[in-house]
Amino acid sequence: MEDDREKILASIRRGIRGSDRISADRSSKSPLFARIGNDFKSRFAKFSSELSALGGEAFVAQTEADASELILARIEPNTSLFIYDDIRTNYGAFTSLLTESRQARFGIEFGPGYDKREVAIFDSAVSGCLACVAETGSIVMKTDMRLPAALAARLFILAKESQMLPTLDELFTDRFSNFEGSNLFLVTGPSRTADIEKELVTGVHGPKEIIVIFLQH
């Protein structure tokens, strides 16, 4: 068995040594770039299509009031709603409208070492994002508090039109080529797995529903 393992590793080493080295050209564009288009309308159409195929939803809201109405229409009365601090900071009117209508608690109230049982009481969560990727319908997030977004059954993402990127290569070569940190993660559709008796189950290690709202103003 050990001999076989060494033979396999030796073969891999030879392959690596004999392969051509490829350097990334940051001026290159994905073949999908031209097909998706350079305007928000084209990118949103692709993003919405990809996210919908995964079981998520995407909307465009004219104002913060419109965005809050979209969320309130999708949650039950007395829903426990977790609002991330970046939302509270950047969308004051939106936050006020939500907190006046539903039970809410700001992420800022949780300090280092918070108990995940405290977060588990929330049915839904509202968060911002770093970017959205039209090519895959993905949401790019960076937060020190991943549990609220992972444990909530319903995750709402508030984004700006300027945060919509056409392709993944735009994300890593242009927007975050010099990203510092290790907590950048991509969310592509609601959580799902078929490992349990080969039946598709949603919400196993993340939200069952993902709704992305793009604000025009």
N, C-alpha and C. Protein backbone atom coordinates (compact mmCIF):
# COMPACT_ATOMS: atom_id res chain seq x y z
N MET A 1 0.83 -1.21 0.00
CA MET A 1 0.00 0.00 0.00
C MET A 1 0.87 1.26 0.00
N GLU A 2 1.96 1.23 0.83
CA GLU A 2 2.86 2.38 0.91
C GLU A 2 3.54 2.62 -0.42
N ASP A 3 3.94 1.52 -1.11
CA ASP A 3 4.58 1.66 -2.41
C ASP A 3 3.65 2.31 -3.42
N ASP A 4 2.38 1.90 -3.41
CA ASP A 4 1.40 2.48 -4.32
C ASP A 4 1.23 3.97 -4.05
N ARG A 5 1.20 4.31 -2.78
CA ARG A 5 1.04 5.73 -2.41
C ARG A 5 2.22 6.55 -2.91
N GLU A 6 3.43 6.03 -2.75
CA GLU A 6 4.62 6.74 -3.19
C GLU A 6 4.65 6.88 -4.71
N LYS A 7 4.18 5.85 -5.41
CA LYS A 7 4.13 5.91 -6.87
C LYS A 7 3.17 7.02 -7.33
N ILE A 8 2.04 7.11 -6.65
CA ILE A 8 1.05 8.14 -7.02
C ILE A 8 1.62 9.54 -6.77
N LEU A 9 2.24 9.73 -5.58
CA LEU A 9 2.82 11.02 -5.25
C LEU A 9 3.94 11.40 -6.21
N ALA A 10 4.76 10.41 -6.57
CA ALA A 10 5.84 10.67 -7.51
C ALA A 10 5.30 11.10 -8.87
N SER A 11 4.21 10.47 -9.29
CA SER A 11 3.59 10.82 -10.56
C SER A 11 3.05 12.25 -10.52
N ILE A 12 2.45 12.63 -9.39
CA ILE A 12 1.94 13.98 -9.24
C ILE A 12 3.07 15.00 -9.28
N ARG A 13 4.18 14.68 -8.60
CA ARG A 13 5.32 15.60 -8.59
C ARG A 13 5.87 15.80 -10.00
N ARG A 14 5.97 14.71 -10.76
CA ARG A 14 6.48 14.83 -12.14
C ARG A 14 5.56 15.70 -12.98
N GLY A 15 4.26 15.50 -12.76
CA GLY A 15 3.29 16.30 -13.52
C GLY A 15 3.39 17.77 -13.20
N ILE A 16 3.58 18.09 -11.91
CA ILE A 16 3.70 19.49 -11.51
C ILE A 16 4.97 20.11 -12.08
N ARG A 17 6.08 19.37 -11.99
CA ARG A 17 7.34 19.91 -12.49
C ARG A 17 7.30 20.12 -14.00
N GLY A 18 6.57 19.27 -14.69
CA GLY A 18 6.53 19.36 -16.15
C GLY A 18 5.47 20.29 -16.69
N SER A 19 4.62 20.82 -15.83
CA SER A 19 3.53 21.68 -16.30
C SER A 19 4.02 23.11 -16.52
N ASP A 20 3.34 23.80 -17.42
CA ASP A 20 3.67 25.21 -17.68
C ASP A 20 3.09 26.07 -16.57
N ARG A 21 3.86 27.03 -16.14
CA ARG A 21 3.37 27.95 -15.11
C ARG A 21 2.51 29.02 -15.77
N ILE A 22 1.37 29.26 -15.17
CA ILE A 22 0.43 30.24 -15.72
C ILE A 22 0.32 31.40 -14.74
N SER A 23 0.58 32.59 -15.21
CA SER A 23 0.45 33.76 -14.34
C SER A 23 -0.88 34.44 -14.64
N ALA A 24 -1.50 34.94 -13.57
CA ALA A 24 -2.79 35.60 -13.73
C ALA A 24 -2.61 36.96 -14.38
N ASP A 25 -3.42 37.24 -15.38
CA ASP A 25 -3.40 38.53 -16.04
C ASP A 25 -4.61 39.31 -15.58
N ARG A 26 -4.40 40.31 -14.78
CA ARG A 26 -5.53 41.03 -14.20
C ARG A 26 -6.27 41.89 -15.22
N SER A 27 -5.70 42.01 -16.40
CA SER A 27 -6.40 42.76 -17.44
C SER A 27 -7.35 41.86 -18.22
N SER A 28 -7.27 40.55 -17.99
CA SER A 28 -8.12 39.61 -18.72
C SER A 28 -9.53 39.64 -18.16
N LYS A 29 -10.47 39.28 -18.99
CA LYS A 29 -11.87 39.26 -18.59
C LYS A 29 -12.46 37.88 -18.85
N SER A 30 -13.39 37.49 -18.02
CA SER A 30 -14.10 36.24 -18.24
C SER A 30 -14.85 36.30 -19.57
N PRO A 31 -14.96 35.18 -20.29
CA PRO A 31 -15.74 35.17 -21.53
C PRO A 31 -17.19 35.60 -21.31
N LEU A 32 -17.67 35.46 -20.06
CA LEU A 32 -19.04 35.85 -19.77
C LEU A 32 -19.21 37.35 -19.63
N PHE A 33 -18.10 38.07 -19.48
CA PHE A 33 -18.18 39.50 -19.19
C PHE A 33 -19.00 40.23 -20.26
N ALA A 34 -18.66 40.00 -21.53
CA ALA A 34 -19.35 40.69 -22.62
C ALA A 34 -20.80 40.23 -22.74
N ARG A 35 -21.06 38.97 -22.42
CA ARG A 35 -22.41 38.44 -22.55
C ARG A 35 -23.34 38.97 -21.47
N ILE A 36 -22.79 39.24 -20.29
CA ILE A 36 -23.62 39.73 -19.20
C ILE A 36 -23.95 41.21 -19.39
N GLY A 37 -23.01 41.97 -19.89
CA GLY A 37 -23.25 43.39 -20.11
C GLY A 37 -22.64 44.23 -19.01
N ASN A 38 -22.49 45.51 -19.31
CA ASN A 38 -21.81 46.41 -18.39
C ASN A 38 -22.77 47.27 -17.58
N ASP A 39 -24.06 47.15 -17.83
CA ASP A 39 -25.03 47.98 -17.12
C ASP A 39 -25.73 47.15 -16.04
N PHE A 40 -26.27 47.84 -15.04
CA PHE A 40 -26.88 47.15 -13.91
C PHE A 40 -28.08 46.30 -14.34
N LYS A 41 -28.87 46.79 -15.26
CA LYS A 41 -30.06 46.05 -15.69
C LYS A 41 -29.69 44.68 -16.22
N SER A 42 -28.64 44.60 -17.05
CA SER A 42 -28.21 43.32 -17.61
C SER A 42 -27.65 42.41 -16.52
N ARG A 43 -26.86 43.00 -15.63
CA ARG A 43 -26.26 42.21 -14.55
C ARG A 43 -27.33 41.71 -13.59
N PHE A 44 -28.31 42.55 -13.30
CA PHE A 44 -29.38 42.13 -12.39
C PHE A 44 -30.17 40.98 -12.99
N ALA A 45 -30.44 41.05 -14.29
CA ALA A 45 -31.20 39.98 -14.95
C ALA A 45 -30.47 38.64 -14.81
N LYS A 46 -29.14 38.67 -15.01
CA LYS A 46 -28.35 37.43 -14.87
C LYS A 46 -28.32 36.98 -13.42
N PHE A 47 -28.06 37.90 -12.51
CA PHE A 47 -28.00 37.57 -11.08
C PHE A 47 -29.33 36.98 -10.60
N SER A 48 -30.41 37.65 -10.96
CA SER A 48 -31.74 37.19 -10.54
C SER A 48 -32.05 35.80 -11.08
N SER A 49 -31.66 35.56 -12.35
CA SER A 49 -31.90 34.25 -12.96
C SER A 49 -31.13 33.15 -12.24
N GLU A 50 -29.86 33.41 -11.94
CA GLU A 50 -29.02 32.42 -11.26
C GLU A 50 -29.52 32.17 -9.84
N LEU A 51 -29.84 33.24 -9.12
CA LEU A 51 -30.31 33.09 -7.74
C LEU A 51 -31.66 32.38 -7.69
N SER A 52 -32.54 32.70 -8.63
CA SER A 52 -33.85 32.06 -8.68
C SER A 52 -33.72 30.56 -8.94
N ALA A 53 -32.76 30.18 -9.79
CA ALA A 53 -32.55 28.75 -10.08
C ALA A 53 -32.10 28.00 -8.85
N LEU A 54 -31.49 28.72 -7.90
CA LEU A 54 -31.02 28.10 -6.65
C LEU A 54 -32.08 28.15 -5.55
N GLY A 55 -33.18 28.85 -5.81
CA GLY A 55 -34.25 28.94 -4.80
C GLY A 55 -34.30 30.25 -4.06
N GLY A 56 -33.50 31.25 -4.50
CA GLY A 56 -33.52 32.56 -3.86
C GLY A 56 -34.32 33.56 -4.67
N GLU A 57 -34.40 34.80 -4.17
CA GLU A 57 -35.14 35.85 -4.86
C GLU A 57 -34.31 37.14 -4.86
N ALA A 58 -34.50 37.95 -5.90
CA ALA A 58 -33.81 39.24 -5.99
C ALA A 58 -34.81 40.31 -6.43
N PHE A 59 -34.68 41.49 -5.83
CA PHE A 59 -35.59 42.60 -6.13
C PHE A 59 -34.79 43.89 -6.24
N VAL A 60 -35.43 44.88 -6.84
CA VAL A 60 -34.87 46.24 -6.89
C VAL A 60 -35.85 47.15 -6.18
N ALA A 61 -35.37 47.96 -5.24
CA ALA A 61 -36.20 48.89 -4.49
C ALA A 61 -35.75 50.32 -4.77
N GLN A 62 -36.71 51.21 -4.96
CA GLN A 62 -36.38 52.59 -5.25
C GLN A 62 -35.85 53.32 -4.01
N THR A 63 -36.43 53.04 -2.86
CA THR A 63 -36.07 53.73 -1.63
C THR A 63 -35.93 52.75 -0.48
N GLU A 64 -35.42 53.24 0.66
CA GLU A 64 -35.30 52.40 1.85
C GLU A 64 -36.68 51.99 2.35
N ALA A 65 -37.67 52.86 2.17
CA ALA A 65 -39.04 52.52 2.57
C ALA A 65 -39.56 51.35 1.75
N ASP A 66 -39.28 51.37 0.45
CA ASP A 66 -39.71 50.26 -0.41
C ASP A 66 -39.02 48.96 0.01
N ALA A 67 -37.75 49.05 0.36
CA ALA A 67 -37.02 47.87 0.80
C ALA A 67 -37.60 47.29 2.07
N SER A 68 -37.95 48.15 3.01
CA SER A 68 -38.53 47.68 4.27
C SER A 68 -39.88 47.02 4.03
N GLU A 69 -40.67 47.55 3.08
CA GLU A 69 -41.97 46.96 2.77
C GLU A 69 -41.80 45.56 2.18
N LEU A 70 -40.78 45.38 1.33
CA LEU A 70 -40.52 44.06 0.76
C LEU A 70 -40.22 43.04 1.85
N ILE A 71 -39.47 43.45 2.86
CA ILE A 71 -39.12 42.54 3.95
C ILE A 71 -40.33 42.26 4.83
N LEU A 72 -41.06 43.31 5.19
CA LEU A 72 -42.21 43.13 6.08
C LEU A 72 -43.28 42.24 5.44
N ALA A 73 -43.34 42.25 4.11
CA ALA A 73 -44.33 41.42 3.42
C ALA A 73 -43.94 39.95 3.43
N ARG A 74 -42.68 39.66 3.79
CA ARG A 74 -42.18 38.28 3.73
C ARG A 74 -41.89 37.67 5.08
N ILE A 75 -42.22 38.37 6.15
CA ILE A 75 -42.04 37.80 7.48
C ILE A 75 -43.36 37.80 8.23
N GLU A 76 -43.49 36.84 9.13
CA GLU A 76 -44.73 36.70 9.87
C GLU A 76 -44.79 37.73 11.00
N PRO A 77 -46.00 38.01 11.49
CA PRO A 77 -46.13 38.92 12.64
C PRO A 77 -45.30 38.44 13.82
N ASN A 78 -44.67 39.37 14.50
CA ASN A 78 -43.85 39.10 15.69
C ASN A 78 -42.59 38.29 15.39
N THR A 79 -42.17 38.31 14.14
CA THR A 79 -40.91 37.65 13.80
C THR A 79 -39.76 38.29 14.55
N SER A 80 -38.88 37.48 15.08
CA SER A 80 -37.69 37.99 15.75
C SER A 80 -36.64 38.26 14.68
N LEU A 81 -36.28 39.52 14.51
CA LEU A 81 -35.47 39.94 13.37
C LEU A 81 -34.12 40.48 13.84
N PHE A 82 -33.05 39.83 13.40
CA PHE A 82 -31.69 40.28 13.74
C PHE A 82 -31.23 41.26 12.67
N ILE A 83 -30.81 42.45 13.09
CA ILE A 83 -30.34 43.46 12.15
C ILE A 83 -28.85 43.70 12.38
N TYR A 84 -28.05 43.42 11.37
CA TYR A 84 -26.61 43.62 11.50
C TYR A 84 -26.27 45.10 11.67
N ASP A 85 -25.16 45.34 12.33
CA ASP A 85 -24.78 46.72 12.64
C ASP A 85 -24.48 47.54 11.39
N ASP A 86 -23.99 46.90 10.31
CA ASP A 86 -23.72 47.68 9.10
C ASP A 86 -25.01 48.23 8.49
N ILE A 87 -26.12 47.52 8.68
CA ILE A 87 -27.41 48.02 8.22
C ILE A 87 -27.85 49.21 9.07
N ARG A 88 -27.71 49.07 10.37
CA ARG A 88 -28.10 50.16 11.27
C ARG A 88 -27.30 51.43 10.99
N THR A 89 -26.02 51.25 10.65
CA THR A 89 -25.14 52.39 10.40
C THR A 89 -25.42 53.06 9.05
N ASN A 90 -25.64 52.26 8.02
CA ASN A 90 -25.74 52.80 6.66
C ASN A 90 -27.16 53.07 6.18
N TYR A 91 -28.14 52.46 6.84
CA TYR A 91 -29.53 52.61 6.39
C TYR A 91 -30.42 52.95 7.58
N GLY A 92 -30.31 54.18 8.05
CA GLY A 92 -31.03 54.60 9.25
C GLY A 92 -32.54 54.56 9.08
N ALA A 93 -33.05 55.11 7.97
CA ALA A 93 -34.49 55.14 7.74
C ALA A 93 -35.05 53.72 7.61
N PHE A 94 -34.33 52.90 6.88
CA PHE A 94 -34.73 51.50 6.70
C PHE A 94 -34.81 50.78 8.05
N THR A 95 -33.80 50.97 8.88
CA THR A 95 -33.76 50.32 10.20
C THR A 95 -34.91 50.78 11.07
N SER A 96 -35.18 52.08 11.06
CA SER A 96 -36.27 52.62 11.89
C SER A 96 -37.61 52.03 11.49
N LEU A 97 -37.84 51.92 10.18
CA LEU A 97 -39.11 51.38 9.71
C LEU A 97 -39.28 49.92 10.15
N LEU A 98 -38.20 49.16 10.13
CA LEU A 98 -38.28 47.76 10.55
C LEU A 98 -38.51 47.63 12.05
N THR A 99 -37.75 48.39 12.82
CA THR A 99 -37.84 48.25 14.27
C THR A 99 -39.16 48.77 14.82
N GLU A 100 -39.79 49.66 14.10
CA GLU A 100 -41.10 50.15 14.53
C GLU A 100 -42.19 49.11 14.27
N SER A 101 -41.94 48.18 13.37
CA SER A 101 -42.97 47.23 12.98
C SER A 101 -42.77 45.83 13.54
N ARG A 102 -41.54 45.43 13.83
CA ARG A 102 -41.27 44.06 14.27
C ARG A 102 -40.26 44.06 15.41
N GLN A 103 -40.26 42.98 16.15
CA GLN A 103 -39.25 42.80 17.18
C GLN A 103 -37.88 42.77 16.52
N ALA A 104 -36.93 43.53 17.05
CA ALA A 104 -35.61 43.58 16.45
C ALA A 104 -34.54 43.77 17.51
N ARG A 105 -33.35 43.32 17.19
CA ARG A 105 -32.22 43.49 18.10
C ARG A 105 -30.97 43.68 17.25
N PHE A 106 -30.20 44.70 17.55
CA PHE A 106 -29.05 45.02 16.74
C PHE A 106 -27.87 44.12 17.05
N GLY A 107 -27.11 43.79 15.99
CA GLY A 107 -25.94 42.96 16.16
C GLY A 107 -24.91 43.56 17.09
N ILE A 108 -24.90 44.89 17.22
CA ILE A 108 -23.92 45.55 18.06
C ILE A 108 -24.06 45.14 19.53
N GLU A 109 -25.22 44.62 19.90
CA GLU A 109 -25.44 44.23 21.28
C GLU A 109 -24.68 42.96 21.65
N PHE A 110 -24.21 42.22 20.65
CA PHE A 110 -23.46 41.00 20.93
C PHE A 110 -21.96 41.33 20.94
N GLY A 111 -21.30 41.01 22.02
CA GLY A 111 -19.88 41.26 22.12
C GLY A 111 -19.09 40.00 21.80
N PRO A 112 -17.76 40.08 21.91
CA PRO A 112 -16.92 38.89 21.68
C PRO A 112 -17.32 37.74 22.60
N GLY A 113 -17.33 36.55 22.06
CA GLY A 113 -17.68 35.39 22.86
C GLY A 113 -19.17 35.25 23.13
N TYR A 114 -19.99 35.85 22.28
CA TYR A 114 -21.44 35.75 22.49
C TYR A 114 -21.90 34.30 22.39
N ASP A 115 -22.97 34.02 23.10
CA ASP A 115 -23.52 32.67 23.14
C ASP A 115 -24.41 32.44 21.93
N LYS A 116 -24.13 31.37 21.18
CA LYS A 116 -24.92 31.12 19.97
C LYS A 116 -26.38 30.86 20.28
N ARG A 117 -26.69 30.48 21.53
CA ARG A 117 -28.10 30.28 21.90
C ARG A 117 -28.86 31.60 21.89
N GLU A 118 -28.14 32.70 22.13
CA GLU A 118 -28.78 34.01 22.06
C GLU A 118 -29.18 34.34 20.63
N VAL A 119 -28.32 33.95 19.68
CA VAL A 119 -28.57 34.24 18.28
C VAL A 119 -29.65 33.33 17.71
N ALA A 120 -29.77 32.13 18.24
CA ALA A 120 -30.69 31.12 17.70
C ALA A 120 -32.16 31.52 17.83
N ILE A 121 -32.45 32.55 18.64
CA ILE A 121 -33.85 32.94 18.82
C ILE A 121 -34.37 33.72 17.62
N PHE A 122 -33.47 34.19 16.74
CA PHE A 122 -33.91 35.02 15.63
C PHE A 122 -34.35 34.18 14.45
N ASP A 123 -35.54 34.49 13.93
CA ASP A 123 -36.08 33.77 12.78
C ASP A 123 -35.49 34.28 11.47
N SER A 124 -35.18 35.58 11.43
CA SER A 124 -34.70 36.20 10.21
C SER A 124 -33.54 37.14 10.53
N ALA A 125 -32.74 37.45 9.51
CA ALA A 125 -31.62 38.37 9.68
C ALA A 125 -31.52 39.27 8.46
N VAL A 126 -31.07 40.50 8.70
CA VAL A 126 -30.87 41.47 7.62
C VAL A 126 -29.41 41.91 7.65
N SER A 127 -28.72 41.77 6.53
CA SER A 127 -27.30 42.10 6.47
C SER A 127 -26.98 42.85 5.18
N GLY A 128 -25.87 43.58 5.21
CA GLY A 128 -25.33 44.15 4.00
C GLY A 128 -24.39 43.15 3.36
N CYS A 129 -23.64 43.56 2.37
CA CYS A 129 -22.68 42.68 1.71
C CYS A 129 -21.55 43.50 1.13
N LEU A 130 -20.49 42.84 0.71
CA LEU A 130 -19.38 43.51 0.03
C LEU A 130 -19.64 43.62 -1.47
N ALA A 131 -20.28 42.60 -2.02
CA ALA A 131 -20.55 42.58 -3.46
C ALA A 131 -21.53 41.46 -3.78
N CYS A 132 -22.07 41.51 -4.99
CA CYS A 132 -22.88 40.42 -5.54
C CYS A 132 -22.31 40.07 -6.91
N VAL A 133 -22.36 38.80 -7.28
CA VAL A 133 -21.76 38.33 -8.53
C VAL A 133 -22.86 37.82 -9.46
N ALA A 134 -23.03 38.52 -10.58
CA ALA A 134 -24.10 38.16 -11.51
C ALA A 134 -23.90 36.78 -12.11
N GLU A 135 -22.66 36.42 -12.40
CA GLU A 135 -22.34 35.16 -13.07
C GLU A 135 -22.89 33.95 -12.34
N THR A 136 -22.85 33.97 -11.00
CA THR A 136 -23.24 32.80 -10.21
C THR A 136 -24.40 33.05 -9.26
N GLY A 137 -24.88 34.29 -9.19
CA GLY A 137 -25.94 34.60 -8.24
C GLY A 137 -25.44 34.57 -6.81
N SER A 138 -24.16 34.87 -6.61
CA SER A 138 -23.53 34.78 -5.28
C SER A 138 -23.53 36.12 -4.56
N ILE A 139 -23.54 36.03 -3.23
CA ILE A 139 -23.42 37.20 -2.37
C ILE A 139 -22.08 37.09 -1.64
N VAL A 140 -21.31 38.15 -1.66
CA VAL A 140 -20.00 38.16 -1.01
C VAL A 140 -20.13 38.89 0.32
N MET A 141 -19.77 38.20 1.40
CA MET A 141 -19.94 38.78 2.74
C MET A 141 -18.63 38.74 3.51
N LYS A 142 -18.50 39.66 4.43
CA LYS A 142 -17.37 39.68 5.36
C LYS A 142 -17.90 40.19 6.69
N THR A 143 -17.91 39.34 7.69
CA THR A 143 -18.40 39.73 9.00
C THR A 143 -17.76 38.86 10.06
N ASP A 144 -17.59 39.42 11.24
CA ASP A 144 -17.08 38.64 12.37
C ASP A 144 -18.19 37.87 13.06
N MET A 145 -19.43 38.09 12.60
CA MET A 145 -20.59 37.42 13.22
C MET A 145 -21.33 36.63 12.15
N ARG A 146 -20.84 35.45 11.88
CA ARG A 146 -21.46 34.62 10.84
C ARG A 146 -22.69 33.87 11.33
N LEU A 147 -22.77 33.62 12.63
CA LEU A 147 -23.87 32.81 13.16
C LEU A 147 -25.26 33.37 12.88
N PRO A 148 -25.51 34.67 13.08
CA PRO A 148 -26.87 35.16 12.81
C PRO A 148 -27.32 34.87 11.38
N ALA A 149 -26.43 35.06 10.41
CA ALA A 149 -26.78 34.80 9.01
C ALA A 149 -26.94 33.31 8.74
N ALA A 150 -26.19 32.48 9.48
CA ALA A 150 -26.24 31.04 9.26
C ALA A 150 -27.41 30.38 9.96
N LEU A 151 -27.77 30.88 11.14
CA LEU A 151 -28.82 30.24 11.93
C LEU A 151 -30.23 30.71 11.57
N ALA A 152 -30.35 31.92 11.05
CA ALA A 152 -31.68 32.43 10.70
C ALA A 152 -32.27 31.62 9.54
N ALA A 153 -33.55 31.34 9.63
CA ALA A 153 -34.21 30.59 8.55
C ALA A 153 -34.35 31.42 7.28
N ARG A 154 -34.38 32.76 7.47
CA ARG A 154 -34.57 33.66 6.33
C ARG A 154 -33.52 34.76 6.39
N LEU A 155 -32.74 34.92 5.31
CA LEU A 155 -31.68 35.92 5.26
C LEU A 155 -32.00 36.95 4.19
N PHE A 156 -32.06 38.22 4.62
CA PHE A 156 -32.26 39.33 3.70
C PHE A 156 -30.92 40.06 3.52
N ILE A 157 -30.58 40.34 2.27
CA ILE A 157 -29.36 41.07 1.96
C ILE A 157 -29.74 42.39 1.30
N LEU A 158 -29.20 43.47 1.85
CA LEU A 158 -29.41 44.79 1.26
C LEU A 158 -28.13 45.19 0.53
N ALA A 159 -28.25 45.51 -0.76
CA ALA A 159 -27.08 45.83 -1.58
C ALA A 159 -27.35 47.09 -2.41
N LYS A 160 -26.27 47.68 -2.89
CA LYS A 160 -26.36 48.84 -3.77
C LYS A 160 -26.06 48.40 -5.20
N GLU A 161 -26.59 49.14 -6.16
CA GLU A 161 -26.35 48.80 -7.56
C GLU A 161 -24.85 48.74 -7.87
N SER A 162 -24.08 49.63 -7.25
CA SER A 162 -22.63 49.68 -7.52
C SER A 162 -21.90 48.44 -7.02
N GLN A 163 -22.56 47.64 -6.18
CA GLN A 163 -21.93 46.43 -5.64
C GLN A 163 -22.12 45.21 -6.54
N MET A 164 -22.85 45.38 -7.63
CA MET A 164 -23.08 44.26 -8.54
C MET A 164 -21.89 44.10 -9.49
N LEU A 165 -21.23 42.96 -9.42
CA LEU A 165 -20.11 42.64 -10.30
C LEU A 165 -20.57 41.61 -11.33
N PRO A 166 -20.01 41.65 -12.54
CA PRO A 166 -20.46 40.72 -13.58
C PRO A 166 -20.00 39.28 -13.36
N THR A 167 -18.70 39.09 -13.00
CA THR A 167 -18.15 37.74 -12.94
C THR A 167 -17.26 37.56 -11.72
N LEU A 168 -16.92 36.31 -11.43
CA LEU A 168 -16.07 36.01 -10.30
C LEU A 168 -14.65 36.55 -10.48
N ASP A 169 -14.15 36.57 -11.71
CA ASP A 169 -12.80 37.09 -11.90
C ASP A 169 -12.74 38.58 -11.62
N GLU A 170 -13.84 39.30 -11.87
CA GLU A 170 -13.89 40.70 -11.51
C GLU A 170 -13.80 40.86 -9.99
N LEU A 171 -14.40 39.92 -9.30
CA LEU A 171 -14.38 39.97 -7.83
C LEU A 171 -12.97 39.84 -7.29
N PHE A 172 -12.23 38.85 -7.77
CA PHE A 172 -10.93 38.55 -7.18
C PHE A 172 -9.76 39.31 -7.80
N THR A 173 -9.89 39.76 -9.05
CA THR A 173 -8.78 40.47 -9.67
C THR A 173 -8.92 41.98 -9.60
N ASP A 174 -10.15 42.46 -9.55
CA ASP A 174 -10.36 43.91 -9.53
C ASP A 174 -10.79 44.42 -8.16
N ARG A 175 -11.92 43.91 -7.67
CA ARG A 175 -12.49 44.47 -6.46
C ARG A 175 -11.70 44.10 -5.20
N PHE A 176 -11.29 42.83 -5.08
CA PHE A 176 -10.63 42.38 -3.87
C PHE A 176 -9.28 41.73 -4.14
N SER A 177 -8.54 42.27 -5.11
CA SER A 177 -7.23 41.70 -5.42
C SER A 177 -6.25 41.88 -4.27
N ASN A 178 -6.45 42.90 -3.46
CA ASN A 178 -5.58 43.14 -2.31
C ASN A 178 -6.33 42.98 -0.99
N PHE A 179 -7.30 42.11 -0.98
CA PHE A 179 -8.11 41.90 0.22
C PHE A 179 -7.26 41.42 1.38
N GLU A 180 -7.45 42.06 2.52
CA GLU A 180 -6.73 41.67 3.72
C GLU A 180 -7.70 41.00 4.69
N GLY A 181 -7.33 39.84 5.16
CA GLY A 181 -8.20 39.11 6.07
C GLY A 181 -8.47 37.71 5.55
N SER A 182 -9.13 36.93 6.37
CA SER A 182 -9.40 35.54 5.98
C SER A 182 -10.88 35.21 6.08
N ASN A 183 -11.71 36.21 6.28
CA ASN A 183 -13.12 35.94 6.54
C ASN A 183 -14.01 36.45 5.42
N LEU A 184 -13.57 36.28 4.19
CA LEU A 184 -14.38 36.60 3.03
C LEU A 184 -15.08 35.33 2.57
N PHE A 185 -16.39 35.33 2.49
CA PHE A 185 -17.08 34.11 2.08
C PHE A 185 -18.22 34.42 1.13
N LEU A 186 -18.52 33.45 0.28
CA LEU A 186 -19.55 33.59 -0.74
C LEU A 186 -20.76 32.75 -0.36
N VAL A 187 -21.93 33.34 -0.48
CA VAL A 187 -23.19 32.65 -0.24
C VAL A 187 -23.89 32.51 -1.58
N THR A 188 -24.09 31.28 -2.02
CA THR A 188 -24.71 31.05 -3.33
C THR A 188 -25.99 30.24 -3.12
N GLY A 189 -27.07 30.93 -2.92
CA GLY A 189 -28.36 30.29 -2.74
C GLY A 189 -28.61 29.78 -1.34
N PRO A 190 -29.84 29.40 -1.03
CA PRO A 190 -30.18 28.83 0.28
C PRO A 190 -29.40 27.56 0.56
N SER A 191 -29.19 27.29 1.84
CA SER A 191 -28.47 26.07 2.25
C SER A 191 -29.25 24.82 1.86
N ARG A 192 -28.55 23.82 1.36
CA ARG A 192 -29.21 22.56 0.98
C ARG A 192 -28.22 21.41 0.97
N THR A 193 -28.73 20.22 1.22
CA THR A 193 -27.90 19.02 1.15
C THR A 193 -28.79 17.82 0.82
N ALA A 194 -28.18 16.83 0.18
CA ALA A 194 -28.90 15.58 -0.11
C ALA A 194 -28.20 14.40 0.56
N ASP A 195 -27.37 14.69 1.55
CA ASP A 195 -26.63 13.64 2.25
C ASP A 195 -27.53 12.79 3.14
N ILE A 196 -28.67 13.34 3.54
CA ILE A 196 -29.56 12.63 4.46
C ILE A 196 -30.53 11.76 3.66
N GLU A 197 -30.25 10.47 3.61
CA GLU A 197 -31.09 9.51 2.90
C GLU A 197 -31.36 9.93 1.46
N LYS A 198 -30.41 10.67 0.86
CA LYS A 198 -30.48 11.07 -0.55
C LYS A 198 -31.68 11.96 -0.85
N GLU A 199 -32.24 12.59 0.18
CA GLU A 199 -33.36 13.51 -0.02
C GLU A 199 -32.88 14.94 0.16
N LEU A 200 -33.31 15.82 -0.74
CA LEU A 200 -32.88 17.21 -0.67
C LEU A 200 -33.53 17.91 0.53
N VAL A 201 -32.69 18.45 1.40
CA VAL A 201 -33.15 19.15 2.59
C VAL A 201 -32.57 20.55 2.58
N THR A 202 -33.39 21.56 2.85
CA THR A 202 -32.91 22.94 2.87
C THR A 202 -32.78 23.43 4.31
N GLY A 203 -31.89 24.41 4.48
CA GLY A 203 -31.72 25.01 5.79
C GLY A 203 -30.92 24.19 6.78
N VAL A 204 -30.04 23.32 6.29
CA VAL A 204 -29.29 22.44 7.19
C VAL A 204 -28.13 23.19 7.85
N HIS A 205 -27.34 23.90 7.07
CA HIS A 205 -26.19 24.62 7.61
C HIS A 205 -26.21 26.09 7.18
N GLY A 206 -27.40 26.61 6.98
CA GLY A 206 -27.57 28.00 6.58
C GLY A 206 -29.04 28.31 6.38
N PRO A 207 -29.38 29.51 5.90
CA PRO A 207 -30.78 29.90 5.76
C PRO A 207 -31.54 29.08 4.72
N LYS A 208 -32.83 28.92 4.96
CA LYS A 208 -33.70 28.22 4.01
C LYS A 208 -34.12 29.15 2.87
N GLU A 209 -34.15 30.46 3.17
CA GLU A 209 -34.54 31.43 2.16
C GLU A 209 -33.52 32.56 2.12
N ILE A 210 -33.20 33.02 0.90
CA ILE A 210 -32.32 34.17 0.72
C ILE A 210 -33.00 35.16 -0.21
N ILE A 211 -33.14 36.39 0.25
CA ILE A 211 -33.76 37.45 -0.53
C ILE A 211 -32.79 38.61 -0.62
N VAL A 212 -32.42 39.01 -1.82
CA VAL A 212 -31.49 40.12 -2.04
C VAL A 212 -32.26 41.32 -2.59
N ILE A 213 -32.06 42.47 -1.96
CA ILE A 213 -32.74 43.69 -2.37
C ILE A 213 -31.70 44.73 -2.76
N PHE A 214 -31.74 45.19 -3.99
CA PHE A 214 -30.83 46.23 -4.47
C PHE A 214 -31.50 47.59 -4.35
N LEU A 215 -30.83 48.51 -3.69
CA LEU A 215 -31.35 49.86 -3.51
C LEU A 215 -30.81 50.76 -4.60
N GLN A 216 -31.72 51.47 -5.26
CA GLN A 216 -31.32 52.42 -6.31
C GLN A 216 -30.92 53.76 -5.72
N HIS A 217 -31.50 54.10 -4.58
CA HIS A 217 -31.19 55.39 -3.96
C HIS A 217 -30.85 55.19 -2.48
